[in-house]
């Protein structure tokens, strides 16, 4: 992954765009018996989408064969910032954005 100005520019195809995609993937992971992981940065470097929008890496621990992980971009900057502060917690995303 090339690093441009402290930001990880990804060469892989994203799995989706927007908050609705993130909420859908979290629910899909939970339904498959997995634990959603939202990774807002790696090694102190932020993820960005192909359009340079804020992005996160989504993983489904324990059900990764059933639920594809990858980069979701086009997210509000405040969502990504809060994800940095609440490492390991996905509940707030469902509460604030998914009508949990």
Protein backbone atom coordinates (compact mmCIF):
# COMPACT_ATOMS: atom_id res chain seq x y z
CA UNK A 1 0.00 0.00 0.00
CA UNK A 2 1.51 3.31 -0.96
CA UNK A 3 1.61 6.02 1.67
CA UNK A 4 0.88 9.55 0.49
CA UNK A 5 1.17 12.34 3.07
CA UNK A 6 0.62 9.97 6.00
CA UNK A 7 -2.47 8.42 4.43
CA UNK A 8 -2.75 4.83 3.18
CA UNK A 9 -3.82 4.80 -0.46
CA UNK A 10 -5.29 1.40 -1.19
CA UNK A 11 -4.82 -0.51 -4.41
CA UNK A 12 -7.55 -3.02 -3.61
CA UNK A 13 -11.13 -2.58 -4.71
CA UNK A 14 -13.35 -1.28 -1.90
CA UNK A 15 -16.27 -3.42 -0.72
CA UNK A 16 -18.63 -0.47 -0.54
CA UNK A 17 -19.31 3.17 0.10
CA UNK A 18 -21.19 5.02 2.81
CA UNK A 19 -22.64 4.52 6.26
CA UNK A 20 -25.44 2.28 4.99
CA UNK A 21 -22.86 -0.19 3.68
CA UNK A 22 -20.98 -0.16 7.00
CA UNK A 23 -24.18 -0.79 8.99
CA UNK A 24 -25.22 -3.57 6.59
CA UNK A 25 -21.81 -5.29 6.91
CA UNK A 26 -21.90 -5.07 10.73
CA UNK A 27 -25.35 -6.69 10.78
CA UNK A 28 -24.30 -9.32 8.24
CA UNK A 29 -21.29 -10.21 10.40
CA UNK A 30 -23.38 -10.48 13.56
CA UNK A 31 -25.94 -12.68 11.78
CA UNK A 32 -23.11 -15.00 10.68
CA UNK A 33 -21.93 -15.32 14.30
CA UNK A 34 -18.88 -13.11 13.88
CA UNK A 35 -17.52 -10.08 15.69
CA UNK A 36 -17.36 -6.91 13.57
CA UNK A 37 -14.07 -5.04 13.64
CA UNK A 38 -13.81 -1.47 12.40
CA UNK A 39 -10.21 -0.41 11.77
CA UNK A 40 -9.92 3.36 11.19
CA UNK A 41 -6.13 3.44 10.86
CA UNK A 42 -3.15 1.15 10.69
CA UNK A 43 0.25 1.99 12.09
CA UNK A 44 -0.96 5.51 12.82
CA UNK A 45 -1.96 6.07 9.20
CA UNK A 46 -5.52 6.72 8.08
CA UNK A 47 -7.35 4.88 5.32
CA UNK A 48 -8.79 6.87 2.41
CA UNK A 49 -11.14 5.87 -0.38
CA UNK A 50 -10.45 6.13 -4.11
CA UNK A 51 -12.13 9.54 -4.05
CA UNK A 52 -9.92 10.56 -1.08
CA UNK A 53 -12.87 10.35 1.34
CA UNK A 54 -12.52 8.99 4.90
CA UNK A 55 -12.51 5.20 5.04
CA UNK A 56 -12.23 2.26 7.42
CA UNK A 57 -11.14 -1.34 7.06
CA UNK A 58 -13.99 -3.69 7.95
CA UNK A 59 -13.32 -7.24 9.18
CA UNK A 60 -15.62 -9.95 10.48
CA UNK A 61 -13.65 -11.95 13.04
CA UNK A 62 -14.85 -15.52 13.35
CA UNK A 63 -16.98 -15.46 10.20
CA UNK A 64 -14.63 -14.04 7.57
CA UNK A 65 -15.36 -16.92 5.20
CA UNK A 66 -19.04 -15.97 5.19
CA UNK A 67 -18.69 -12.18 5.33
CA UNK A 68 -16.23 -10.46 3.04
CA UNK A 69 -14.09 -7.77 4.62
CA UNK A 70 -12.39 -4.79 3.04
CA UNK A 71 -12.39 -1.04 2.80
CA UNK A 72 -15.56 1.02 3.12
CA UNK A 73 -15.14 4.65 2.11
CA UNK A 74 -17.29 7.75 1.78
CA UNK A 75 -17.85 7.88 5.53
CA UNK A 76 -18.35 11.02 7.63
CA UNK A 77 -15.04 12.21 9.09
CA UNK A 78 -16.63 12.33 12.56
CA UNK A 79 -17.51 8.61 12.33
CA UNK A 80 -13.90 7.72 11.53
CA UNK A 81 -12.59 9.94 14.33
CA UNK A 82 -14.96 8.37 16.86
CA UNK A 83 -13.93 4.90 15.66
CA UNK A 84 -10.35 5.81 16.61
CA UNK A 85 -11.49 6.66 20.14
CA UNK A 86 -13.73 3.60 20.57
CA UNK A 87 -11.43 0.87 19.29
CA UNK A 88 -13.11 -2.52 19.40
CA UNK A 89 -16.65 -1.21 19.76
CA UNK A 90 -19.17 -1.28 16.93
CA UNK A 91 -22.37 -0.88 18.99
CA UNK A 92 -22.32 2.91 18.82
CA UNK A 93 -22.34 2.79 15.02
CA UNK A 94 -25.57 0.80 15.08
CA UNK A 95 -27.04 3.08 17.76
CA UNK A 96 -26.16 6.32 15.95
CA UNK A 97 -26.47 5.29 12.30
CA UNK A 98 -28.37 2.01 12.14
CA UNK A 99 -31.50 2.59 14.17
CA UNK A 100 -30.32 -0.18 16.55
